[in-house]
Amino acid sequence: MFSDKDIQQIQNKGITIDQVNAQISRLKDGMSFSDLVSAATIDKGIERYDADGTEEMIALYEAKQQELSIVKFVPASGAATRMFKFLFQFLNAFDPNKTTLKNYIESNNDGLIATFSENLENFPFYNEVVGQIKNTYPKYDEFSEGERLALFVRTMLDENGLNYSFLPKGLLPFHRYSDKTVTAFQEHLFESTLYASSKEKANLHFTVSEKHHPFFAKELDEVKPFLENKTSTKFNVSYSYQNEATETVALTLKDQVFRNEDGSILFRPAGHGALLENLNVLDYDLIFIKNIDNIVVADKNIEVSNYKKLLAGVLLEAQQKVFSFLRQLDEGGLTEADYKLMAVFLRYRLNTIIPVDFDAYDEEKKTAYLKERFDRPMRVCGMVKNQGEPGGGPFWVKDKHGKISLQIVEFAQINFGKQNQQEIVYKATHFNPTDLVCGVRNYKGEKYDLSKYVDPEAAFITTKTRNGVDIQALELPGLWNGSMAYWNSIFVEVPVETFNPVKTVNDLLKPVHQVS
């Protein structure tokens, strides 16, 4: 039961009581796990292009690029806190007055701190942090190794220092060139000129948190003139926040609504699936999607970006065929051979399992079926070979109606308690690096309403901690998982070199994040 105060709070967020009750029911009932049929592999759900085929698709995209409206969509609201988790643990546990850094590392078997301390000067922020320290501690170089490291980390993270733990990943120093240090945000601007620009203009849309928006705007003002001059490209940058109405309630482990200390209901951001609303307002021919932390230094980026053109070329080629089929279906007068050709394309190019009795359908039913299957948003997703990275992957999945489709499935959606599901996961050859290009307009140039192609059953339930209390949290169907469940999907193998996320600060030491 909700009090009048609760009802007011719920309505102020733009949520209805029915929606909240549905969320509570979902949490109490438990999540629906995906029913994996098999892993998607090469030629069984994943396409592979040789050098000639890759060049052909790149050429197709480049030939049409200047005619297209293009935007690069970058989820960038995440705080950098998790990047520094092991550094926070170090600050809490290490006392330079009681032990040496060497003894601390050995006694705790702390390889992360060992790597961090041994490579300190290779981090892009090294000079900034040391410069800040020496303003206050001129004799910093005379301190013990442990004292220097603890002070370095504290200066990086503390609110009274550089406050990196407050910043989003996109605004941290990511790469150091000979003359300057640049953020991931700036690198994404540069990258857009390599494959996501048209007519000397690059459109980018960043989803950010409201508190960080002014910092992104300030960074853009500082780097835009230099970048526009360097790349001969004008940048059109827009931002959006995660809509409060997409936030969800949480329950205690006893299925009670979790409340804040003041008695108000706790509403939490509902994961990246909430960004479907942000994506849905963008009306362009092509939308590239890439996470903020998956970015490399400029000289390595030029080669990596060719694979974005490959994905775009694959999408354009398939889209042209689909649009042609839809026009034919509108005009009518199709032969049996025409229907068969379309069914084959649907099965082998768009990975759709055709009903076994399709051939027995009459003309009207065949036309209606093909129209419904073709007339959907389309995505082409890069897939990289499995290297043991955490995260979702491409699988053939059966829904509650017995229909099988190709999906990206997160580990949280898989019931590892079932041996057959475990075995399918262990046989998977590829995983999802969140690298995709989307077509969101139909063959008449009209924008799709993306909210109509979501599988609501693909919501997640995760266990989180709030003020020391375990809670059950509900996340909306993931943006590239359940939120795109009913899109037409093509998965394409891309090199593992295209996937270079920064999950911990030590990832910035990898060669792709270091200027050679």
Protein backbone atom coordinates (compact mmCIF):
# COMPACT_ATOMS: atom_id res chain seq x y z
CA MET A 1 0.00 0.00 0.00
CA PHE A 2 1.28 3.47 -0.85
CA SER A 3 0.71 6.58 1.25
CA ASP A 4 -0.45 9.87 -0.25
CA LYS A 5 3.15 11.05 0.04
CA ASP A 6 4.35 7.96 -1.88
CA ILE A 7 1.77 8.52 -4.61
CA GLN A 8 2.89 12.13 -4.98
CA GLN A 9 6.55 11.05 -5.25
CA ILE A 10 5.69 8.43 -7.87
CA GLN A 11 3.63 10.85 -9.95
CA ASN A 12 6.32 13.54 -9.71
CA LYS A 13 8.72 11.14 -11.44
CA GLY A 14 6.30 10.68 -14.33
CA ILE A 15 5.53 7.08 -13.35
CA THR A 16 2.08 5.58 -12.76
CA ILE A 17 1.05 3.49 -9.75
CA ASP A 18 0.30 0.61 -12.15
CA GLN A 19 3.86 0.75 -13.48
CA VAL A 20 5.31 0.63 -9.96
CA ASN A 21 3.05 -2.29 -9.03
CA ALA A 22 4.13 -4.10 -12.19
CA GLN A 23 7.78 -3.56 -11.23
CA ILE A 24 7.12 -4.94 -7.74
CA SER A 25 5.36 -7.98 -9.21
CA ARG A 26 8.24 -8.59 -11.59
CA LEU A 27 10.75 -8.45 -8.71
CA LYS A 28 8.65 -10.82 -6.59
CA ASP A 29 8.02 -13.28 -9.44
CA GLY A 30 11.69 -13.37 -10.45
CA MET A 31 13.20 -12.76 -13.84
CA SER A 32 12.59 -14.83 -16.95
CA PHE A 33 15.85 -16.41 -18.03
CA SER A 34 16.64 -16.66 -21.72
CA ASP A 35 16.15 -20.13 -23.17
CA LEU A 36 19.36 -20.66 -25.13
CA VAL A 37 19.11 -23.08 -28.05
CA SER A 38 22.70 -22.75 -29.27
CA ALA A 39 25.56 -20.28 -29.53
CA ALA A 40 25.75 -18.22 -32.71
CA THR A 41 28.93 -19.12 -34.61
CA ILE A 42 30.48 -18.37 -38.00
CA ASP A 43 27.96 -19.12 -40.77
CA LYS A 44 25.38 -20.01 -38.11
CA GLY A 45 24.33 -16.50 -37.16
CA ILE A 46 27.65 -14.68 -37.57
CA GLU A 47 28.96 -13.53 -40.95
CA ARG A 48 32.68 -13.41 -41.74
CA TYR A 49 34.15 -11.23 -44.50
CA ASP A 50 37.54 -11.86 -46.11
CA ALA A 51 39.78 -8.98 -47.20
CA ASP A 52 38.03 -8.56 -50.57
CA GLY A 53 34.57 -8.71 -49.02
CA THR A 54 35.56 -6.20 -46.37
CA GLU A 55 36.88 -3.79 -48.99
CA GLU A 56 33.68 -4.19 -51.01
CA MET A 57 31.47 -3.29 -48.03
CA ILE A 58 33.70 -0.35 -47.07
CA ALA A 59 33.55 0.94 -50.65
CA LEU A 60 29.75 0.60 -50.68
CA TYR A 61 29.48 2.69 -47.51
CA GLU A 62 31.97 5.32 -48.66
CA ALA A 63 30.14 5.69 -51.99
CA LYS A 64 26.91 6.61 -50.15
CA GLN A 65 28.33 8.30 -47.05
CA GLN A 66 27.95 11.89 -48.25
CA GLU A 67 24.26 11.36 -49.06
CA LEU A 68 23.43 10.07 -45.57
CA SER A 69 22.52 11.74 -42.30
CA ILE A 70 24.68 10.05 -39.65
CA VAL A 71 25.00 10.31 -35.87
CA LYS A 72 27.27 8.63 -33.37
CA PHE A 73 25.44 7.69 -30.14
CA VAL A 74 27.70 7.33 -27.09
CA PRO A 75 26.39 6.23 -23.67
CA ALA A 76 28.59 8.34 -21.37
CA SER A 77 26.77 8.80 -18.09
CA GLY A 78 28.67 6.22 -16.05
CA ALA A 79 30.90 7.54 -13.26
CA ALA A 80 34.53 6.41 -13.21
CA THR A 81 34.27 5.10 -9.64
CA ARG A 82 34.53 1.41 -10.61
CA MET A 83 37.72 2.11 -12.56
CA PHE A 84 39.36 3.05 -9.27
CA LYS A 85 37.87 0.38 -7.02
CA PHE A 86 41.21 -1.27 -6.19
CA LEU A 87 42.75 2.14 -5.48
CA PHE A 88 40.04 2.95 -2.93
CA GLN A 89 40.69 -0.42 -1.31
CA PHE A 90 44.41 0.38 -1.21
CA LEU A 91 43.81 3.74 0.51
CA ASN A 92 41.63 2.07 3.14
CA ALA A 93 44.07 -0.76 3.84
CA PHE A 94 47.56 0.72 3.45
CA ASP A 95 49.32 2.67 6.20
CA PRO A 96 52.80 3.86 5.14
CA ASN A 97 53.70 4.41 8.81
CA LYS A 98 53.23 0.72 9.60
CA THR A 99 54.55 -1.13 6.55
CA THR A 100 56.41 -0.64 3.30
CA LEU A 101 54.68 -0.69 -0.06
CA LYS A 102 56.65 -3.81 -1.03
CA ASN A 103 55.52 -5.70 2.08
CA TYR A 104 51.92 -4.56 1.59
CA ILE A 105 51.85 -5.82 -2.01
CA GLU A 106 53.42 -9.17 -1.08
CA SER A 107 51.27 -9.81 2.00
CA ASN A 108 48.05 -8.94 0.12
CA ASN A 109 49.14 -10.48 -3.19
CA ASP A 110 47.94 -7.21 -4.74
CA GLY A 111 48.96 -7.47 -8.38
CA LEU A 112 46.78 -4.50 -9.39
CA ILE A 113 48.62 -2.12 -7.06
CA ALA A 114 51.96 -3.59 -8.13
CA THR A 115 51.14 -2.90 -11.79
CA PHE A 116 49.81 0.57 -11.00
CA SER A 117 52.85 1.63 -8.95
CA GLU A 118 55.45 0.14 -11.31
CA ASN A 119 53.98 1.97 -14.32
CA LEU A 120 52.97 5.23 -12.67
CA GLU A 121 54.79 7.48 -15.15
CA ASN A 122 53.02 5.83 -18.11
CA PHE A 123 49.56 6.96 -17.01
CA PRO A 124 48.21 9.93 -18.99
CA PHE A 125 47.41 11.83 -15.78
CA TYR A 126 50.85 11.37 -14.15
CA ASN A 127 52.15 14.88 -14.76
CA GLU A 128 48.89 16.53 -13.68
CA VAL A 129 48.74 14.58 -10.41
CA VAL A 130 52.41 15.12 -9.51
CA GLY A 131 52.14 18.82 -10.39
CA GLN A 132 49.16 19.14 -8.04
CA ILE A 133 51.02 17.32 -5.24
CA LYS A 134 54.17 19.42 -5.50
CA ASN A 135 52.18 22.62 -5.08
CA THR A 136 51.44 21.44 -1.54
CA TYR A 137 54.35 19.07 -0.84
CA PRO A 138 57.52 20.48 -2.44
CA LYS A 139 59.60 17.65 -0.91
CA TYR A 140 57.37 14.93 -2.38
CA ASP A 141 60.34 13.24 -4.08
CA GLU A 142 61.98 12.69 -0.68
CA PHE A 143 59.03 10.71 0.73
CA SER A 144 59.13 6.91 0.97
CA GLU A 145 57.76 4.91 -1.96
CA GLY A 146 54.63 4.01 0.01
CA GLU A 147 54.02 7.60 1.13
CA ARG A 148 54.41 8.85 -2.45
CA LEU A 149 51.94 6.31 -3.84
CA ALA A 150 49.32 6.89 -1.14
CA LEU A 151 49.56 10.65 -1.67
CA PHE A 152 49.40 10.20 -5.45
CA VAL A 153 46.23 8.10 -5.24
CA ARG A 154 44.61 10.41 -2.69
CA THR A 155 45.33 13.46 -4.85
CA MET A 156 43.80 11.70 -7.86
CA LEU A 157 40.60 10.64 -6.17
CA ASP A 158 39.81 13.02 -3.30
CA GLU A 159 37.32 15.82 -3.60
CA ASN A 160 40.02 18.20 -2.34
CA GLY A 161 42.40 16.95 -5.02
CA LEU A 162 41.67 16.33 -8.69
CA ASN A 163 38.43 14.52 -7.80
CA TYR A 164 38.71 11.93 -10.60
CA SER A 165 36.28 9.64 -8.77
CA PHE A 166 33.55 12.25 -9.26
CA LEU A 167 34.12 12.57 -13.00
CA PRO A 168 32.53 10.35 -15.65
CA LYS A 169 34.92 8.15 -17.65
CA GLY A 170 34.49 10.41 -20.67
CA LEU A 171 36.19 13.36 -18.97
CA LEU A 172 39.19 11.58 -17.45
CA PRO A 173 42.63 11.96 -19.05
CA PHE A 174 42.73 8.87 -21.30
CA HIS A 175 45.67 9.33 -23.64
CA ARG A 176 48.88 11.36 -23.50
CA TYR A 177 50.39 12.75 -26.68
CA SER A 178 53.70 14.60 -26.89
CA ASP A 179 52.08 18.01 -26.47
CA LYS A 180 48.89 17.31 -24.49
CA THR A 181 46.63 14.92 -22.61
CA VAL A 182 43.19 14.18 -24.05
CA THR A 183 39.93 12.75 -22.68
CA ALA A 184 37.88 9.86 -24.04
CA PHE A 185 35.26 12.47 -24.99
CA GLN A 186 37.74 14.29 -27.22
CA GLU A 187 38.90 11.02 -28.77
CA HIS A 188 35.29 10.16 -29.69
CA LEU A 189 34.93 13.52 -31.41
CA PHE A 190 38.04 12.80 -33.45
CA GLU A 191 36.93 9.25 -34.18
CA SER A 192 33.62 10.43 -35.61
CA THR A 193 35.51 12.18 -38.41
CA LEU A 194 37.00 8.83 -39.46
CA TYR A 195 33.72 7.08 -40.27
CA ALA A 196 30.63 8.86 -38.88
CA SER A 197 30.72 12.22 -40.65
CA SER A 198 29.09 13.48 -43.82
CA LYS A 199 29.49 16.68 -45.84
CA GLU A 200 32.28 17.81 -43.47
CA LYS A 201 29.94 17.63 -40.47
CA ALA A 202 29.93 15.17 -37.57
CA ASN A 203 26.87 14.68 -35.38
CA LEU A 204 27.42 13.15 -31.95
CA HIS A 205 24.93 12.48 -29.16
CA PHE A 206 26.16 11.73 -25.64
CA THR A 207 23.92 10.47 -22.86
CA VAL A 208 25.26 12.08 -19.69
CA SER A 209 24.17 12.61 -16.11
CA GLU A 210 22.73 16.04 -15.42
CA LYS A 211 25.42 16.88 -12.85
CA HIS A 212 28.18 16.19 -15.40
CA HIS A 213 26.59 18.01 -18.36
CA PRO A 214 28.27 21.39 -17.64
CA PHE A 215 31.68 19.67 -17.55
CA PHE A 216 31.12 18.04 -20.95
CA ALA A 217 29.98 21.39 -22.36
CA LYS A 218 33.10 23.09 -20.98
CA GLU A 219 35.36 20.40 -22.44
CA LEU A 220 33.67 20.77 -25.84
CA ASP A 221 34.20 24.55 -25.80
CA GLU A 222 37.90 24.01 -25.09
CA VAL A 223 38.66 21.35 -27.72
CA LYS A 224 36.20 22.12 -30.50
CA PRO A 225 38.11 24.95 -32.27
CA PHE A 226 41.32 22.91 -32.39
CA LEU A 227 39.58 19.74 -33.61
CA GLU A 228 37.48 21.52 -36.24
CA ASN A 229 40.62 23.14 -37.62
CA LYS A 230 42.60 19.89 -37.53
CA THR A 231 39.93 17.69 -39.16
CA SER A 232 38.14 20.24 -41.38
CA THR A 233 34.92 19.00 -39.79
CA LYS A 234 32.17 20.90 -37.99
CA PHE A 235 30.91 19.21 -34.83
CA ASN A 236 27.25 19.16 -33.86
CA VAL A 237 27.16 17.73 -30.33
CA SER A 238 23.95 17.09 -28.40
CA TYR A 239 23.27 15.60 -24.98
CA SER A 240 20.43 13.92 -23.12
CA TYR A 241 19.83 12.60 -19.62
CA GLN A 242 18.34 9.30 -18.57
CA ASN A 243 14.64 10.00 -18.10
CA GLU A 244 13.56 9.86 -14.43
CA ALA A 245 10.40 8.06 -15.53
CA THR A 246 12.55 5.04 -16.51
CA GLU A 247 13.82 4.58 -12.93
CA THR A 248 12.61 1.52 -11.02
CA VAL A 249 11.82 0.55 -7.43
CA ALA A 250 13.91 -1.92 -5.42
CA LEU A 251 12.83 -4.52 -2.87
CA THR A 252 14.53 -5.82 0.25
CA LEU A 253 15.30 -9.53 0.34
CA LYS A 254 12.00 -9.87 2.25
CA ASP A 255 10.11 -8.39 -0.73
CA GLN A 256 9.42 -5.05 0.97
CA VAL A 257 9.76 -1.79 -0.99
CA PHE A 258 13.16 -0.35 -0.04
CA ARG A 259 13.01 3.17 1.35
CA ASN A 260 15.54 5.94 1.91
CA GLU A 261 16.35 7.17 5.40
CA ASP A 262 13.71 9.91 5.07
CA GLY A 263 11.01 7.32 4.31
CA SER A 264 10.78 8.08 0.58
CA ILE A 265 10.81 5.25 -1.95
CA LEU A 266 14.22 4.49 -3.46
CA PHE A 267 14.12 4.75 -7.26
CA ARG A 268 17.21 3.56 -9.14
CA PRO A 269 18.48 4.09 -12.71
CA ALA A 270 17.27 1.06 -14.66
CA GLY A 271 20.46 0.19 -16.58
CA HIS A 272 21.38 0.98 -20.17
CA GLY A 273 18.00 -0.27 -21.38
CA ALA A 274 16.59 3.05 -20.13
CA LEU A 275 18.58 4.74 -22.91
CA LEU A 276 16.18 3.38 -25.53
CA GLU A 277 14.13 6.54 -24.94
CA ASN A 278 17.21 8.66 -25.66
CA LEU A 279 17.98 6.67 -28.79
CA ASN A 280 14.37 6.83 -29.93
CA VAL A 281 14.42 10.62 -30.38
CA LEU A 282 17.29 10.49 -32.87
CA ASP A 283 16.13 10.62 -36.49
CA TYR A 284 19.03 9.84 -38.84
CA ASP A 285 19.71 7.42 -41.69
CA LEU A 286 22.45 5.69 -39.71
CA ILE A 287 23.21 5.59 -35.99
CA PHE A 288 26.57 4.24 -34.81
CA ILE A 289 26.61 3.10 -31.16
CA LYS A 290 29.81 2.74 -29.17
CA ASN A 291 30.60 2.90 -25.45
CA ILE A 292 32.58 5.86 -24.10
CA ASP A 293 35.50 3.79 -22.78
CA ASN A 294 36.06 1.75 -25.97
CA ILE A 295 38.40 4.19 -27.68
CA VAL A 296 42.07 4.01 -28.72
CA VAL A 297 44.81 6.52 -29.53
CA ALA A 298 44.49 8.34 -32.84
CA ASP A 299 47.08 6.50 -34.95
CA LYS A 300 45.61 3.10 -34.04
CA ASN A 301 42.06 4.35 -34.46
CA ILE A 302 42.36 4.92 -38.20
CA GLU A 303 42.68 1.18 -38.88
CA VAL A 304 40.07 0.19 -36.28
CA SER A 305 37.57 2.60 -37.83
CA ASN A 306 37.57 0.72 -41.12
CA TYR A 307 35.57 -1.99 -39.39
CA LYS A 308 32.85 0.54 -38.52
CA LYS A 309 32.62 1.22 -42.25
CA LEU A 310 32.37 -2.54 -42.84
CA LEU A 311 29.36 -2.76 -40.49
CA ALA A 312 27.74 0.26 -42.14
CA GLY A 313 28.27 -1.22 -45.61
CA VAL A 314 26.70 -4.51 -44.55
CA LEU A 315 23.69 -2.63 -43.18
CA LEU A 316 23.24 -0.51 -46.31
CA GLU A 317 23.47 -3.52 -48.60
CA ALA A 318 20.89 -5.50 -46.59
CA GLN A 319 18.67 -2.46 -46.15
CA GLN A 320 18.59 -1.76 -49.89
CA LYS A 321 17.41 -5.32 -50.49
CA VAL A 322 14.76 -5.12 -47.76
CA PHE A 323 13.44 -1.78 -49.04
CA SER A 324 13.23 -3.21 -52.56
CA PHE A 325 11.28 -6.23 -51.28
CA LEU A 326 8.86 -4.03 -49.33
CA ARG A 327 8.14 -1.91 -52.42
CA GLN A 328 7.49 -5.08 -54.42
CA LEU A 329 5.16 -6.36 -51.71
CA ASP A 330 3.29 -3.03 -51.81
CA GLU A 331 2.93 -3.16 -55.59
CA GLY A 332 1.77 -6.79 -55.67
CA GLY A 333 1.78 -9.16 -58.64
CA LEU A 334 4.53 -11.35 -57.16
CA THR A 335 5.36 -14.80 -58.47
CA GLU A 336 6.04 -17.91 -56.41
CA ALA A 337 9.74 -17.45 -57.21
CA ASP A 338 9.61 -13.89 -55.80
CA TYR A 339 8.16 -15.14 -52.51
CA LYS A 340 10.74 -17.90 -52.31
CA LEU A 341 13.61 -15.44 -52.91
CA MET A 342 12.34 -13.17 -50.13
CA ALA A 343 11.93 -16.10 -47.72
CA VAL A 344 15.49 -17.26 -48.45
CA PHE A 345 16.83 -13.74 -47.80
CA LEU A 346 14.86 -13.55 -44.56
CA ARG A 347 16.22 -16.90 -43.39
CA TYR A 348 19.84 -16.69 -44.42
CA ARG A 349 20.53 -12.95 -44.33
CA LEU A 350 18.28 -11.72 -41.54
CA ASN A 351 18.55 -14.90 -39.47
CA THR A 352 14.80 -15.45 -39.24
CA ILE A 353 13.34 -18.92 -38.76
CA ILE A 354 10.56 -19.21 -41.37
CA PRO A 355 7.37 -21.11 -40.41
CA VAL A 356 7.54 -24.67 -41.72
CA ASP A 357 4.23 -24.25 -43.54
CA PHE A 358 5.18 -20.94 -45.21
CA ASP A 359 5.04 -22.47 -48.71
CA ALA A 360 1.45 -23.47 -48.08
CA TYR A 361 0.36 -19.89 -47.23
CA ASP A 362 -1.84 -18.18 -49.78
CA GLU A 363 -0.61 -15.03 -51.49
CA GLU A 364 -2.27 -12.67 -49.01
CA LYS A 365 -0.85 -14.45 -45.97
CA LYS A 366 2.66 -14.66 -47.48
CA THR A 367 2.59 -10.95 -48.28
CA ALA A 368 1.41 -10.02 -44.78
CA TYR A 369 4.03 -12.25 -43.13
CA LEU A 370 6.92 -10.93 -45.22
CA LYS A 371 5.86 -7.30 -44.77
CA GLU A 372 5.72 -7.71 -41.00
CA ARG A 373 9.13 -9.40 -40.86
CA PHE A 374 10.92 -6.99 -43.20
CA ASP A 375 9.38 -3.75 -41.93
CA ARG A 376 11.44 -3.37 -38.74
CA PRO A 377 14.46 -1.40 -37.54
CA MET A 378 17.72 -3.05 -38.56
CA ARG A 379 21.03 -3.39 -36.76
CA VAL A 380 24.40 -4.80 -37.73
CA CYS A 381 26.48 -5.74 -34.70
CA GLY A 382 30.20 -6.45 -34.59
CA MET A 383 31.15 -9.65 -32.73
CA VAL A 384 34.67 -10.47 -31.58
CA LYS A 385 36.23 -13.83 -30.81
CA ASN A 386 35.79 -14.91 -27.23
CA GLN A 387 38.85 -13.98 -25.19
CA GLY A 388 37.36 -14.67 -21.78
CA GLU A 389 36.03 -11.12 -21.40
CA PRO A 390 32.94 -10.69 -19.23
CA GLY A 391 29.72 -9.70 -20.92
CA GLY A 392 27.02 -10.92 -23.24
CA GLY A 393 27.23 -12.71 -26.52
CA PRO A 394 25.29 -13.86 -29.61
CA PHE A 395 22.93 -16.80 -29.14
CA TRP A 396 19.96 -18.48 -30.77
CA VAL A 397 17.13 -18.12 -28.24
CA LYS A 398 13.65 -19.65 -27.95
CA ASP A 399 10.87 -17.41 -26.62
CA LYS A 400 7.82 -18.48 -24.59
CA HIS A 401 5.86 -19.04 -27.83
CA GLY A 402 8.50 -21.47 -29.10
CA LYS A 403 9.88 -19.05 -31.71
CA ILE A 404 13.65 -19.09 -32.20
CA SER A 405 15.58 -15.89 -32.97
CA LEU A 406 19.08 -14.49 -32.93
CA GLN A 407 19.75 -12.34 -29.86
CA ILE A 408 22.50 -10.72 -27.81
CA VAL A 409 22.19 -12.21 -24.33
CA GLU A 410 23.83 -10.93 -21.13
CA PHE A 411 25.18 -13.43 -18.59
CA ALA A 412 22.61 -12.13 -16.08
CA GLN A 413 19.86 -13.47 -18.40
CA ILE A 414 21.28 -17.00 -18.41
CA ASN A 415 20.28 -19.68 -15.91
CA PHE A 416 23.65 -21.20 -15.08
CA GLY A 417 21.84 -23.61 -12.72
CA LYS A 418 20.82 -25.61 -15.80
CA GLN A 419 23.62 -27.75 -17.20
CA ASN A 420 22.45 -27.57 -20.81
CA GLN A 421 22.47 -23.73 -20.65
CA GLN A 422 25.98 -23.78 -19.16
CA GLU A 423 27.22 -26.07 -21.92
CA ILE A 424 25.85 -23.76 -24.63
CA VAL A 425 27.64 -20.78 -23.07
CA TYR A 426 30.92 -22.69 -22.87
CA LYS A 427 30.65 -23.51 -26.59
CA ALA A 428 30.22 -19.85 -27.53
CA THR A 429 32.95 -18.61 -29.86
CA HIS A 430 32.17 -14.86 -29.84
CA PHE A 431 31.01 -12.12 -27.51
CA ASN A 432 29.37 -8.73 -27.89
CA PRO A 433 31.71 -5.69 -27.72
CA THR A 434 28.81 -3.21 -28.02
CA ASP A 435 29.79 -2.04 -31.48
CA LEU A 436 26.79 -1.58 -33.75
CA VAL A 437 25.22 0.47 -36.50
CA CYS A 438 21.46 0.94 -36.71
CA GLY A 439 18.94 1.80 -39.41
CA VAL A 440 15.85 3.29 -37.74
CA ARG A 441 13.90 4.55 -40.77
CA ASN A 442 11.54 2.50 -42.93
CA TYR A 443 11.55 2.23 -46.72
CA LYS A 444 9.41 5.40 -46.95
CA GLY A 445 11.93 7.38 -44.90
CA GLU A 446 9.71 7.40 -41.80
CA LYS A 447 11.26 6.88 -38.39
CA TYR A 448 10.33 3.74 -36.45
CA ASP A 449 9.00 3.98 -32.91
CA LEU A 450 11.68 1.84 -31.27
CA SER A 451 9.57 1.21 -28.16
CA LYS A 452 7.43 -1.18 -30.22
CA TYR A 453 10.28 -3.66 -30.74
CA VAL A 454 11.18 -4.40 -27.09
CA ASP A 455 10.85 -7.73 -25.32
CA PRO A 456 9.66 -6.73 -21.82
CA GLU A 457 10.39 -10.27 -20.57
CA ALA A 458 14.12 -9.59 -20.98
CA ALA A 459 14.30 -7.39 -17.88
CA PHE A 460 17.10 -8.10 -15.38
CA ILE A 461 16.94 -8.60 -11.63
CA THR A 462 20.24 -8.01 -9.87
CA THR A 463 21.33 -7.89 -6.24
CA LYS A 464 22.86 -4.60 -5.12
CA THR A 465 23.86 -3.09 -1.79
CA ARG A 466 22.39 0.13 -0.47
CA ASN A 467 23.61 1.55 2.85
CA GLY A 468 24.88 -1.90 3.78
CA VAL A 469 21.53 -3.58 2.96
CA ASP A 470 21.14 -6.12 0.14
CA ILE A 471 18.37 -5.14 -2.25
CA GLN A 472 16.75 -6.62 -5.35
CA ALA A 473 17.09 -4.15 -8.22
CA LEU A 474 15.18 -4.18 -11.49
CA GLU A 475 16.82 -3.18 -14.77
CA LEU A 476 14.98 -2.62 -18.03
CA PRO A 477 15.72 -4.89 -21.01
CA GLY A 478 19.27 -3.97 -22.08
CA LEU A 479 19.64 -1.48 -24.91
CA TRP A 480 21.24 -4.00 -27.29
CA ASN A 481 19.60 -7.03 -25.61
CA GLY A 482 15.86 -7.10 -24.97
CA SER A 483 15.31 -3.52 -26.12
CA MET A 484 16.27 -4.56 -29.66
CA ALA A 485 14.83 -8.08 -29.46
CA TYR A 486 12.44 -7.62 -32.39
CA TRP A 487 14.79 -5.74 -34.73
CA ASN A 488 16.20 -7.39 -37.83
CA SER A 489 19.72 -8.36 -36.81
CA ILE A 490 22.92 -9.23 -38.66
CA PHE A 491 26.03 -10.20 -36.67
CA VAL A 492 29.45 -9.73 -38.28
CA GLU A 493 32.83 -10.88 -37.01
CA VAL A 494 35.27 -8.02 -36.39
CA PRO A 495 38.84 -8.27 -35.04
CA VAL A 496 39.37 -8.33 -31.29
CA GLU A 497 41.56 -5.24 -31.84
CA THR A 498 38.33 -3.23 -32.19
CA PHE A 499 37.46 -3.93 -28.53
CA ASN A 500 39.55 -1.97 -26.06
CA PRO A 501 37.43 -1.00 -23.05
CA VAL A 502 38.86 0.61 -19.94
CA LYS A 503 37.31 -1.28 -17.05
CA THR A 504 40.07 -0.51 -14.53
CA VAL A 505 42.56 2.33 -14.59
CA ASN A 506 45.34 -0.19 -15.34
CA ASP A 507 43.76 -0.83 -18.76
CA LEU A 508 45.14 2.57 -19.79
CA LEU A 509 48.58 0.92 -19.78
CA LYS A 510 47.67 -1.35 -22.71
CA PRO A 511 49.50 -0.55 -25.98
CA VAL A 512 46.30 0.66 -27.70
CA HIS A 513 46.01 3.42 -25.08
CA GLN A 514 49.68 4.41 -25.26
CA VAL A 515 51.09 6.67 -27.96
CA SER A 516 53.93 4.78 -29.64
